[in-house]
Amino acid sequence: MSRLILLLIMSVLLTACASNHITVPDNAAAASLDDVDSRLWNEARLLQFHQQWQGTPYRLGGLTKKGLDCSGLVYVAYQDLVGPSIPRTVQGQTSLGTRVAKSDLQSGDLVFFKTTGSGRHVGVYLSGHRFLHVSTKKGVIISSMDNVYWKPRYWFASRL
């Protein structure tokens, strides 16, 4: 039993937002994104979701109001607002949807950042160059993509 618990803890640690070298396969993406209903995945609903989760602390591997990481926030938001499951990790989420130019971003697009050599971060784009994500210091927040930290770390965006 303790070996199972150890394996579970190790798999949670390997799903971190900052990890680009994930060795655990990401099999959670069974749903087709072709049927995403924009009435469910839109800015108004994302802002309501933010109000419910605002300030929830960062917790590596978390998926609850006690704490969650960046890919966990995207996973929970998508599940709450749209329904089907998407991949749980940043690595898995990078393969979703269709890539879009930064100049063509729309509310609900996933935005990805390179935070360190191998570190990655994901959030959900909102209008006005803002995005919903989880900060390690402030928890669930909305930040500007033009801020001095995020602007040079922008990697790419995808539309579900």
Protein backbone atom coordinates (compact mmCIF):
# COMPACT_ATOMS: atom_id res chain seq x y z
CA MET A 1 0.00 0.00 0.00
CA SER A 2 2.79 2.47 0.84
CA ARG A 3 4.38 1.78 -2.56
CA LEU A 4 1.10 2.81 -4.25
CA ILE A 5 0.98 6.03 -2.24
CA LEU A 6 4.59 6.77 -3.15
CA LEU A 7 3.80 6.20 -6.85
CA LEU A 8 0.80 8.53 -6.62
CA ILE A 9 2.86 11.26 -4.97
CA MET A 10 5.59 10.91 -7.59
CA SER A 11 3.08 11.14 -10.46
CA VAL A 12 1.56 14.30 -8.97
CA LEU A 13 4.99 15.88 -8.69
CA LEU A 14 5.69 15.07 -12.32
CA THR A 15 2.64 17.04 -13.49
CA ALA A 16 3.94 20.40 -12.31
CA CYS A 17 3.42 23.53 -14.36
CA ALA A 18 7.13 24.14 -14.39
CA SER A 19 8.04 20.75 -15.73
CA ASN A 20 8.62 20.24 -19.42
CA HIS A 21 10.14 16.78 -19.01
CA ILE A 22 7.14 14.72 -17.97
CA THR A 23 7.62 10.99 -18.06
CA VAL A 24 4.10 10.04 -17.02
CA PRO A 25 1.84 9.58 -20.08
CA ASP A 26 -1.06 12.01 -20.28
CA ASN A 27 -4.10 9.92 -21.20
CA ALA A 28 -6.81 12.32 -20.02
CA ALA A 29 -7.55 13.84 -23.45
CA ALA A 30 -10.31 11.60 -24.67
CA ALA A 31 -12.69 14.40 -25.65
CA SER A 32 -12.84 15.90 -29.10
CA LEU A 33 -12.36 19.66 -29.04
CA ASP A 34 -14.29 20.07 -32.31
CA ASP A 35 -17.51 20.37 -30.35
CA VAL A 36 -16.46 23.12 -27.90
CA ASP A 37 -19.48 25.36 -27.36
CA SER A 38 -18.32 28.99 -27.30
CA ARG A 39 -21.39 29.82 -25.20
CA LEU A 40 -19.82 27.72 -22.43
CA TRP A 41 -16.14 28.71 -22.88
CA ASN A 42 -16.36 32.50 -23.02
CA GLU A 43 -15.07 35.51 -21.11
CA ALA A 44 -18.17 36.10 -18.98
CA ARG A 45 -18.16 32.52 -17.72
CA LEU A 46 -14.37 32.56 -17.25
CA LEU A 47 -14.71 35.71 -15.12
CA GLN A 48 -17.40 34.00 -13.01
CA PHE A 49 -15.06 31.04 -12.62
CA HIS A 50 -12.30 33.45 -11.54
CA GLN A 51 -14.57 34.95 -8.87
CA GLN A 52 -15.21 31.49 -7.45
CA TRP A 53 -11.52 30.52 -7.43
CA GLN A 54 -9.83 33.90 -6.88
CA GLY A 55 -6.98 33.66 -4.39
CA THR A 56 -6.97 29.86 -4.29
CA PRO A 57 -3.31 29.11 -3.53
CA TYR A 58 -0.81 27.46 -5.81
CA ARG A 59 -0.29 23.81 -4.97
CA LEU A 60 1.74 21.53 -7.20
CA GLY A 61 -0.54 18.80 -8.55
CA GLY A 62 -3.61 20.25 -6.82
CA LEU A 63 -7.13 20.30 -8.25
CA THR A 64 -9.18 21.70 -5.36
CA LYS A 65 -9.90 24.97 -3.58
CA LYS A 66 -7.13 23.99 -1.17
CA GLY A 67 -4.72 24.58 -4.04
CA LEU A 68 -3.97 23.91 -7.68
CA ASP A 69 -1.26 24.48 -10.25
CA CYS A 70 -1.52 26.23 -13.61
CA SER A 71 -2.47 23.22 -15.71
CA GLY A 72 -4.82 22.13 -12.94
CA LEU A 73 -6.63 25.48 -13.15
CA VAL A 74 -7.09 25.10 -16.92
CA TYR A 75 -8.20 21.49 -16.44
CA VAL A 76 -10.75 22.39 -13.73
CA ALA A 77 -12.05 25.46 -15.59
CA TYR A 78 -12.59 23.47 -18.78
CA GLN A 79 -14.27 20.64 -16.93
CA ASP A 80 -16.52 23.03 -14.96
CA LEU A 81 -17.50 25.19 -17.92
CA VAL A 82 -17.49 22.82 -20.89
CA GLY A 83 -17.67 19.32 -19.45
CA PRO A 84 -15.27 16.93 -21.14
CA SER A 85 -11.80 16.27 -19.80
CA ILE A 86 -8.66 17.69 -21.35
CA PRO A 87 -5.08 16.70 -20.54
CA ARG A 88 -4.02 17.46 -16.96
CA THR A 89 -0.47 18.63 -17.66
CA VAL A 90 1.01 21.64 -19.42
CA GLN A 91 2.76 19.25 -21.81
CA GLY A 92 -0.56 17.62 -22.69
CA GLN A 93 -2.34 20.94 -23.00
CA THR A 94 0.23 22.25 -25.51
CA SER A 95 -1.13 19.76 -28.05
CA LEU A 96 -4.73 21.00 -27.82
CA GLY A 97 -6.55 23.07 -30.40
CA THR A 98 -5.11 25.16 -33.19
CA ARG A 99 -2.26 27.61 -32.74
CA VAL A 100 -3.18 31.27 -33.12
CA ALA A 101 -1.09 34.40 -33.56
CA LYS A 102 -0.69 36.63 -30.52
CA SER A 103 -2.37 39.43 -32.48
CA ASP A 104 -5.46 37.21 -33.03
CA LEU A 105 -6.05 36.09 -29.42
CA GLN A 106 -9.65 35.68 -28.28
CA SER A 107 -11.12 35.05 -24.85
CA GLY A 108 -10.76 31.39 -23.95
CA ASP A 109 -7.57 30.76 -25.91
CA LEU A 110 -4.87 28.95 -23.95
CA VAL A 111 -1.69 30.99 -23.55
CA PHE A 112 1.64 29.33 -22.86
CA PHE A 113 4.81 30.78 -21.41
CA LYS A 114 8.40 29.57 -21.04
CA THR A 115 9.29 30.53 -17.49
CA THR A 116 12.71 28.87 -17.23
CA GLY A 117 14.90 26.65 -19.39
CA SER A 118 12.46 23.76 -19.11
CA GLY A 119 9.66 25.43 -17.13
CA ARG A 120 6.29 26.04 -18.73
CA HIS A 121 3.18 27.90 -17.60
CA VAL A 122 -0.37 27.98 -18.98
CA GLY A 123 -3.34 30.27 -18.51
CA VAL A 124 -6.58 31.24 -20.23
CA TYR A 125 -6.65 34.43 -22.29
CA LEU A 126 -9.12 37.20 -21.48
CA SER A 127 -9.66 40.40 -23.45
CA GLY A 128 -7.34 43.36 -23.04
CA HIS A 129 -4.09 41.34 -23.01
CA ARG A 130 -5.06 39.71 -19.69
CA PHE A 131 -5.04 36.06 -18.70
CA LEU A 132 -6.40 33.90 -15.90
CA HIS A 133 -3.81 31.71 -14.21
CA VAL A 134 -2.31 30.61 -10.90
CA SER A 135 0.54 32.59 -9.40
CA THR A 136 2.84 30.81 -6.97
CA LYS A 137 2.64 33.85 -4.67
CA LYS A 138 -0.92 35.17 -5.15
CA GLY A 139 -2.88 32.08 -6.17
CA VAL A 140 -5.59 32.32 -8.82
CA ILE A 141 -5.39 35.76 -10.39
CA ILE A 142 -5.77 37.71 -13.61
CA SER A 143 -2.52 39.20 -14.92
CA SER A 144 -1.53 41.39 -17.84
CA MET A 145 0.39 39.69 -20.63
CA ASP A 146 2.16 43.02 -21.09
CA ASN A 147 3.64 42.93 -17.60
CA VAL A 148 7.44 42.97 -17.41
CA TYR A 149 7.57 39.35 -16.25
CA TRP A 150 5.10 37.74 -18.67
CA LYS A 151 5.69 39.70 -21.88
CA PRO A 152 9.18 38.33 -22.67
CA ARG A 153 8.17 34.81 -21.61
CA TYR A 154 5.21 34.44 -23.97
CA TRP A 155 5.59 31.23 -26.00
CA PHE A 156 2.40 30.59 -28.04
CA ALA A 157 -1.39 30.34 -27.86
CA SER A 158 -3.93 27.80 -29.01
CA ARG A 159 -7.66 27.95 -29.59
CA LEU A 160 -9.81 25.07 -28.43
